[in-house]
Structure formats: C-alpha cells, structure tokens
All heavy atoms as atom14 arrays in JSON, in Angstrom:
{
  "sequence": "DSFRLAMPDDEGMRTIRNAFASGKPGAAEL",
  "atom14_mask": [
    [1, 1, 1, 1, 1, 1, 1, 1, 0, 0, 0, 0, 0, 0],
    [1, 1, 1, 1, 1, 1, 0, 0, 0, 0, 0, 0, 0, 0],
    [1, 1, 1, 1, 1, 1, 1, 1, 1, 1, 1, 0, 0, 0],
    [1, 1, 1, 1, 1, 1, 1, 1, 1, 1, 1, 0, 0, 0],
    [1, 1, 1, 1, 1, 1, 1, 1, 0, 0, 0, 0, 0, 0],
    [1, 1, 1, 1, 1, 0, 0, 0, 0, 0, 0, 0, 0, 0],
    [1, 1, 1, 1, 1, 1, 1, 1, 0, 0, 0, 0, 0, 0],
    [1, 1, 1, 1, 1, 1, 1, 0, 0, 0, 0, 0, 0, 0],
    [1, 1, 1, 1, 1, 1, 1, 1, 0, 0, 0, 0, 0, 0],
    [1, 1, 1, 1, 1, 1, 1, 1, 0, 0, 0, 0, 0, 0],
    [1, 1, 1, 1, 1, 1, 1, 1, 1, 0, 0, 0, 0, 0],
    [1, 1, 1, 1, 0, 0, 0, 0, 0, 0, 0, 0, 0, 0],
    [1, 1, 1, 1, 1, 1, 1, 1, 0, 0, 0, 0, 0, 0],
    [1, 1, 1, 1, 1, 1, 1, 1, 1, 1, 1, 0, 0, 0],
    [1, 1, 1, 1, 1, 1, 1, 0, 0, 0, 0, 0, 0, 0],
    [1, 1, 1, 1, 1, 1, 1, 1, 0, 0, 0, 0, 0, 0],
    [1, 1, 1, 1, 1, 1, 1, 1, 1, 1, 1, 0, 0, 0],
    [1, 1, 1, 1, 1, 1, 1, 1, 0, 0, 0, 0, 0, 0],
    [1, 1, 1, 1, 1, 0, 0, 0, 0, 0, 0, 0, 0, 0],
    [1, 1, 1, 1, 1, 1, 1, 1, 1, 1, 1, 0, 0, 0],
    [1, 1, 1, 1, 1, 0, 0, 0, 0, 0, 0, 0, 0, 0],
    [1, 1, 1, 1, 1, 1, 0, 0, 0, 0, 0, 0, 0, 0],
    [1, 1, 1, 1, 0, 0, 0, 0, 0, 0, 0, 0, 0, 0],
    [1, 1, 1, 1, 1, 1, 1, 1, 1, 0, 0, 0, 0, 0],
    [1, 1, 1, 1, 1, 1, 1, 0, 0, 0, 0, 0, 0, 0],
    [1, 1, 1, 1, 0, 0, 0, 0, 0, 0, 0, 0, 0, 0],
    [1, 1, 1, 1, 1, 0, 0, 0, 0, 0, 0, 0, 0, 0],
    [1, 1, 1, 1, 1, 0, 0, 0, 0, 0, 0, 0, 0, 0],
    [1, 1, 1, 1, 1, 1, 1, 1, 1, 0, 0, 0, 0, 0],
    [1, 1, 1, 1, 1, 1, 1, 1, 0, 0, 0, 0, 0, 0]
  ],
  "atom14_positions": [
    [[108.09, 99.5, 101.74], [106.74, 98.96, 101.93], [106.55, 97.59, 101.31], [105.71, 96.82, 101.77], [105.69, 99.93, 101.38], [105.61, 101.21, 102.19], [106.08, 101.23, 103.34], [105.09, 102.21, 101.66], [0.0, 0.0, 0.0], [0.0, 0.0, 0.0], [0.0, 0.0, 0.0], [0.0, 0.0, 0.0], [0.0, 0.0, 0.0], [0.0, 0.0, 0.0]],
    [[107.31, 97.25, 100.27], [107.14, 95.94, 99.64], [107.62, 94.81, 100.56], [107.25, 93.66, 100.36], [107.86, 95.88, 98.29], [109.26, 95.87, 98.46], [0.0, 0.0, 0.0], [0.0, 0.0, 0.0], [0.0, 0.0, 0.0], [0.0, 0.0, 0.0], [0.0, 0.0, 0.0], [0.0, 0.0, 0.0], [0.0, 0.0, 0.0], [0.0, 0.0, 0.0]],
    [[108.41, 95.13, 101.58], [108.87, 94.13, 102.54], [107.95, 94.02, 103.75], [108.17, 93.18, 104.61], [110.29, 94.46, 103.02], [111.3, 94.43, 101.91], [111.75, 95.62, 101.35], [111.79, 93.24, 101.42], [112.68, 95.61, 100.33], [112.72, 93.22, 100.39], [113.17, 94.41, 99.85], [0.0, 0.0, 0.0], [0.0, 0.0, 0.0], [0.0, 0.0, 0.0]],
    [[106.93, 94.84, 103.81], [106.03, 94.84, 104.96], [104.85, 93.89, 104.75], [104.03, 93.73, 105.63], [105.52, 96.25, 105.24], [106.59, 97.27, 105.59], [107.36, 96.95, 106.83], [106.52, 96.94, 108.0], [106.87, 96.41, 109.16], [108.04, 95.85, 109.31], [106.05, 96.42, 110.17], [0.0, 0.0, 0.0], [0.0, 0.0, 0.0], [0.0, 0.0, 0.0]],
    [[104.75, 93.26, 103.57], [103.73, 92.25, 103.27], [102.3, 92.73, 103.55], [101.48, 91.98, 104.04], [104.02, 90.96, 104.04], [105.35, 90.3, 103.7], [105.56, 89.07, 104.55], [105.45, 89.96, 102.23], [0.0, 0.0, 0.0], [0.0, 0.0, 0.0], [0.0, 0.0, 0.0], [0.0, 0.0, 0.0], [0.0, 0.0, 0.0], [0.0, 0.0, 0.0]],
    [[102.03, 93.97, 103.24], [100.69, 94.57, 103.37], [100.17, 94.53, 104.8], [98.98, 94.61, 105.03], [99.7, 93.9, 102.42], [0.0, 0.0, 0.0], [0.0, 0.0, 0.0], [0.0, 0.0, 0.0], [0.0, 0.0, 0.0], [0.0, 0.0, 0.0], [0.0, 0.0, 0.0], [0.0, 0.0, 0.0], [0.0, 0.0, 0.0], [0.0, 0.0, 0.0]],
    [[101.06, 94.38, 105.75], [100.66, 94.38, 107.16], [100.66, 95.82, 107.67], [101.5, 96.62, 107.24], [101.64, 93.55, 108.0], [101.7, 92.09, 107.59], [100.15, 91.21, 107.82], [100.05, 91.13, 109.59], [0.0, 0.0, 0.0], [0.0, 0.0, 0.0], [0.0, 0.0, 0.0], [0.0, 0.0, 0.0], [0.0, 0.0, 0.0], [0.0, 0.0, 0.0]],
    [[99.75, 96.14, 108.56], [99.77, 97.5, 109.12], [101.04, 97.69, 109.95], [101.59, 96.73, 110.49], [98.53, 97.54, 110.01], [98.18, 96.11, 110.28], [98.7, 95.31, 109.12], [0.0, 0.0, 0.0], [0.0, 0.0, 0.0], [0.0, 0.0, 0.0], [0.0, 0.0, 0.0], [0.0, 0.0, 0.0], [0.0, 0.0, 0.0], [0.0, 0.0, 0.0]],
    [[101.5, 98.92, 110.03], [102.69, 99.21, 110.82], [102.42, 98.96, 112.29], [101.36, 99.29, 112.81], [103.11, 100.67, 110.63], [103.84, 100.91, 109.32], [104.2, 99.92, 108.64], [104.03, 102.08, 108.98], [0.0, 0.0, 0.0], [0.0, 0.0, 0.0], [0.0, 0.0, 0.0], [0.0, 0.0, 0.0], [0.0, 0.0, 0.0], [0.0, 0.0, 0.0]],
    [[103.41, 98.39, 112.96], [103.36, 98.28, 114.41], [103.98, 99.54, 115.0], [104.46, 100.41, 114.27], [104.05, 97.0, 114.89], [105.48, 96.87, 114.39], [106.15, 97.91, 114.19], [105.93, 95.73, 114.19], [0.0, 0.0, 0.0], [0.0, 0.0, 0.0], [0.0, 0.0, 0.0], [0.0, 0.0, 0.0], [0.0, 0.0, 0.0], [0.0, 0.0, 0.0]],
    [[103.97, 99.65, 116.31], [104.5, 100.85, 116.95], [105.97, 101.07, 116.59], [106.41, 102.2, 116.35], [104.35, 100.75, 118.48], [104.77, 102.0, 119.21], [104.0, 103.25, 118.8], [102.8, 103.14, 118.46], [104.61, 104.34, 118.8], [0.0, 0.0, 0.0], [0.0, 0.0, 0.0], [0.0, 0.0, 0.0], [0.0, 0.0, 0.0], [0.0, 0.0, 0.0]],
    [[106.76, 99.99, 116.53], [108.16, 100.12, 116.17], [108.36, 100.7, 114.78], [109.2, 101.58, 114.58], [0.0, 0.0, 0.0], [0.0, 0.0, 0.0], [0.0, 0.0, 0.0], [0.0, 0.0, 0.0], [0.0, 0.0, 0.0], [0.0, 0.0, 0.0], [0.0, 0.0, 0.0], [0.0, 0.0, 0.0], [0.0, 0.0, 0.0], [0.0, 0.0, 0.0]],
    [[107.58, 100.21, 113.81], [107.73, 100.72, 112.44], [107.29, 102.17, 112.36], [107.92, 102.97, 111.64], [106.91, 99.85, 111.47], [107.27, 100.08, 110.03], [108.96, 99.56, 109.68], [109.49, 100.87, 108.63], [0.0, 0.0, 0.0], [0.0, 0.0, 0.0], [0.0, 0.0, 0.0], [0.0, 0.0, 0.0], [0.0, 0.0, 0.0], [0.0, 0.0, 0.0]],
    [[106.28, 102.55, 113.11], [105.87, 103.97, 113.13], [107.01, 104.83, 113.69], [107.27, 105.93, 113.19], [104.59, 104.15, 113.93], [103.34, 103.71, 113.17], [102.06, 104.11, 113.88], [101.86, 103.39, 115.13], [101.35, 102.16, 115.23], [100.98, 101.51, 114.14], [101.19, 101.6, 116.4], [0.0, 0.0, 0.0], [0.0, 0.0, 0.0], [0.0, 0.0, 0.0]],
    [[107.69, 104.33, 114.71], [108.82, 105.07, 115.29], [109.91, 105.27, 114.26], [110.46, 106.37, 114.12], [109.38, 104.31, 116.52], [108.35, 104.23, 117.5], [110.61, 105.0, 117.08], [0.0, 0.0, 0.0], [0.0, 0.0, 0.0], [0.0, 0.0, 0.0], [0.0, 0.0, 0.0], [0.0, 0.0, 0.0], [0.0, 0.0, 0.0], [0.0, 0.0, 0.0]],
    [[110.24, 104.23, 113.5], [111.28, 104.32, 112.48], [110.86, 105.27, 111.35], [111.64, 106.1, 110.9], [111.63, 102.93, 111.93], [112.24, 102.06, 113.04], [112.55, 103.01, 110.71], [113.49, 102.62, 113.69], [0.0, 0.0, 0.0], [0.0, 0.0, 0.0], [0.0, 0.0, 0.0], [0.0, 0.0, 0.0], [0.0, 0.0, 0.0], [0.0, 0.0, 0.0]],
    [[109.62, 105.16, 110.89], [109.14, 106.08, 109.84], [109.2, 107.53, 110.31], [109.58, 108.42, 109.55], [107.73, 105.7, 109.4], [107.65, 104.45, 108.57], [106.22, 104.26, 108.07], [105.99, 102.96, 107.55], [106.31, 102.55, 106.33], [106.9, 103.37, 105.49], [106.04, 101.33, 105.93], [0.0, 0.0, 0.0], [0.0, 0.0, 0.0], [0.0, 0.0, 0.0]],
    [[108.82, 107.77, 111.56], [108.87, 109.13, 112.1], [110.31, 109.65, 112.17], [110.56, 110.82, 111.92], [108.21, 109.19, 113.48], [106.71, 109.07, 113.41], [106.1, 109.31, 112.38], [106.1, 108.65, 114.51], [0.0, 0.0, 0.0], [0.0, 0.0, 0.0], [0.0, 0.0, 0.0], [0.0, 0.0, 0.0], [0.0, 0.0, 0.0], [0.0, 0.0, 0.0]],
    [[111.24, 108.76, 112.5], [112.65, 109.16, 112.53], [113.12, 109.57, 111.14], [113.78, 110.61, 110.97], [113.52, 108.03, 113.09], [0.0, 0.0, 0.0], [0.0, 0.0, 0.0], [0.0, 0.0, 0.0], [0.0, 0.0, 0.0], [0.0, 0.0, 0.0], [0.0, 0.0, 0.0], [0.0, 0.0, 0.0], [0.0, 0.0, 0.0], [0.0, 0.0, 0.0]],
    [[112.79, 108.76, 110.13], [113.16, 109.12, 108.76], [112.54, 110.44, 108.35], [113.19, 111.29, 107.76], [112.74, 108.03, 107.77], [113.77, 106.94, 107.61], [113.49, 105.66, 108.04], [115.0, 107.19, 107.02], [114.43, 104.64, 107.88], [115.94, 106.19, 106.86], [115.65, 104.91, 107.3], [0.0, 0.0, 0.0], [0.0, 0.0, 0.0], [0.0, 0.0, 0.0]],
    [[111.26, 110.63, 108.66], [110.56, 111.85, 108.25], [111.15, 113.09, 108.92], [111.22, 114.15, 108.31], [109.07, 111.73, 108.58], [0.0, 0.0, 0.0], [0.0, 0.0, 0.0], [0.0, 0.0, 0.0], [0.0, 0.0, 0.0], [0.0, 0.0, 0.0], [0.0, 0.0, 0.0], [0.0, 0.0, 0.0], [0.0, 0.0, 0.0], [0.0, 0.0, 0.0]],
    [[111.57, 112.95, 110.17], [112.1, 114.1, 110.9], [113.59, 114.34, 110.62], [114.11, 115.4, 110.95], [111.91, 113.89, 112.41], [112.78, 112.87, 112.88], [0.0, 0.0, 0.0], [0.0, 0.0, 0.0], [0.0, 0.0, 0.0], [0.0, 0.0, 0.0], [0.0, 0.0, 0.0], [0.0, 0.0, 0.0], [0.0, 0.0, 0.0], [0.0, 0.0, 0.0]],
    [[114.26, 113.32, 110.05], [115.69, 113.44, 109.81], [116.53, 113.17, 111.05], [117.74, 113.36, 111.05], [0.0, 0.0, 0.0], [0.0, 0.0, 0.0], [0.0, 0.0, 0.0], [0.0, 0.0, 0.0], [0.0, 0.0, 0.0], [0.0, 0.0, 0.0], [0.0, 0.0, 0.0], [0.0, 0.0, 0.0], [0.0, 0.0, 0.0], [0.0, 0.0, 0.0]],
    [[115.89, 112.71, 112.13], [116.6, 112.42, 113.37], [116.85, 110.92, 113.49], [116.1, 110.12, 112.95], [115.76, 112.9, 114.56], [115.55, 114.4, 114.57], [114.7, 114.8, 115.74], [114.47, 116.31, 115.7], [113.54, 116.75, 116.73], [0.0, 0.0, 0.0], [0.0, 0.0, 0.0], [0.0, 0.0, 0.0], [0.0, 0.0, 0.0], [0.0, 0.0, 0.0]],
    [[117.89, 110.53, 114.22], [118.13, 109.11, 114.45], [116.97, 108.49, 115.23], [116.28, 109.18, 115.98], [119.41, 109.08, 115.3], [120.05, 110.41, 115.08], [118.93, 111.37, 114.81], [0.0, 0.0, 0.0], [0.0, 0.0, 0.0], [0.0, 0.0, 0.0], [0.0, 0.0, 0.0], [0.0, 0.0, 0.0], [0.0, 0.0, 0.0], [0.0, 0.0, 0.0]],
    [[116.75, 107.21, 115.03], [115.7, 106.51, 115.75], [116.06, 105.07, 115.99], [116.94, 104.52, 115.32], [0.0, 0.0, 0.0], [0.0, 0.0, 0.0], [0.0, 0.0, 0.0], [0.0, 0.0, 0.0], [0.0, 0.0, 0.0], [0.0, 0.0, 0.0], [0.0, 0.0, 0.0], [0.0, 0.0, 0.0], [0.0, 0.0, 0.0], [0.0, 0.0, 0.0]],
    [[115.38, 104.45, 116.93], [115.6, 103.04, 117.23], [114.29, 102.45, 117.75], [113.53, 103.13, 118.44], [116.71, 102.87, 118.26], [0.0, 0.0, 0.0], [0.0, 0.0, 0.0], [0.0, 0.0, 0.0], [0.0, 0.0, 0.0], [0.0, 0.0, 0.0], [0.0, 0.0, 0.0], [0.0, 0.0, 0.0], [0.0, 0.0, 0.0], [0.0, 0.0, 0.0]],
    [[114.06, 101.19, 117.4], [112.84, 100.52, 117.85], [112.97, 99.03, 117.64], [113.81, 98.56, 116.87], [111.63, 101.04, 117.08], [0.0, 0.0, 0.0], [0.0, 0.0, 0.0], [0.0, 0.0, 0.0], [0.0, 0.0, 0.0], [0.0, 0.0, 0.0], [0.0, 0.0, 0.0], [0.0, 0.0, 0.0], [0.0, 0.0, 0.0], [0.0, 0.0, 0.0]],
    [[112.13, 98.29, 118.33], [111.99, 96.86, 118.09], [110.71, 96.69, 117.27], [109.68, 97.26, 117.6], [111.88, 96.12, 119.42], [111.97, 94.63, 119.27], [112.08, 93.93, 120.61], [113.18, 93.92, 121.19], [111.05, 93.41, 121.06], [0.0, 0.0, 0.0], [0.0, 0.0, 0.0], [0.0, 0.0, 0.0], [0.0, 0.0, 0.0], [0.0, 0.0, 0.0]],
    [[110.8, 95.93, 116.19], [109.64, 95.77, 115.32], [109.61, 94.38, 114.7], [110.59, 93.66, 114.72], [109.61, 96.85, 114.24], [110.86, 97.02, 113.37], [110.82, 96.11, 112.17], [110.97, 98.46, 112.94], [0.0, 0.0, 0.0], [0.0, 0.0, 0.0], [0.0, 0.0, 0.0], [0.0, 0.0, 0.0], [0.0, 0.0, 0.0], [0.0, 0.0, 0.0]]
  ]
}
C-alpha cells in the first residue's frame, strides 16, 4: 500500500488483491 500513493485501487489492482486473498494466480493491467 505504501507504493500506491494513497490512490484508490483501479480494477487491475482489485483483481491482483483478490488473487492474493484467494491464493489463486492472477493477472491484470494496472
């Protein structure tokens, strides 16, 4: 989060966070 510069997540970042949370691989453009 310290690299996100207090910006809200875009759709790509939400996809990546969901992949981490689920333990499944993920890919996105962000």
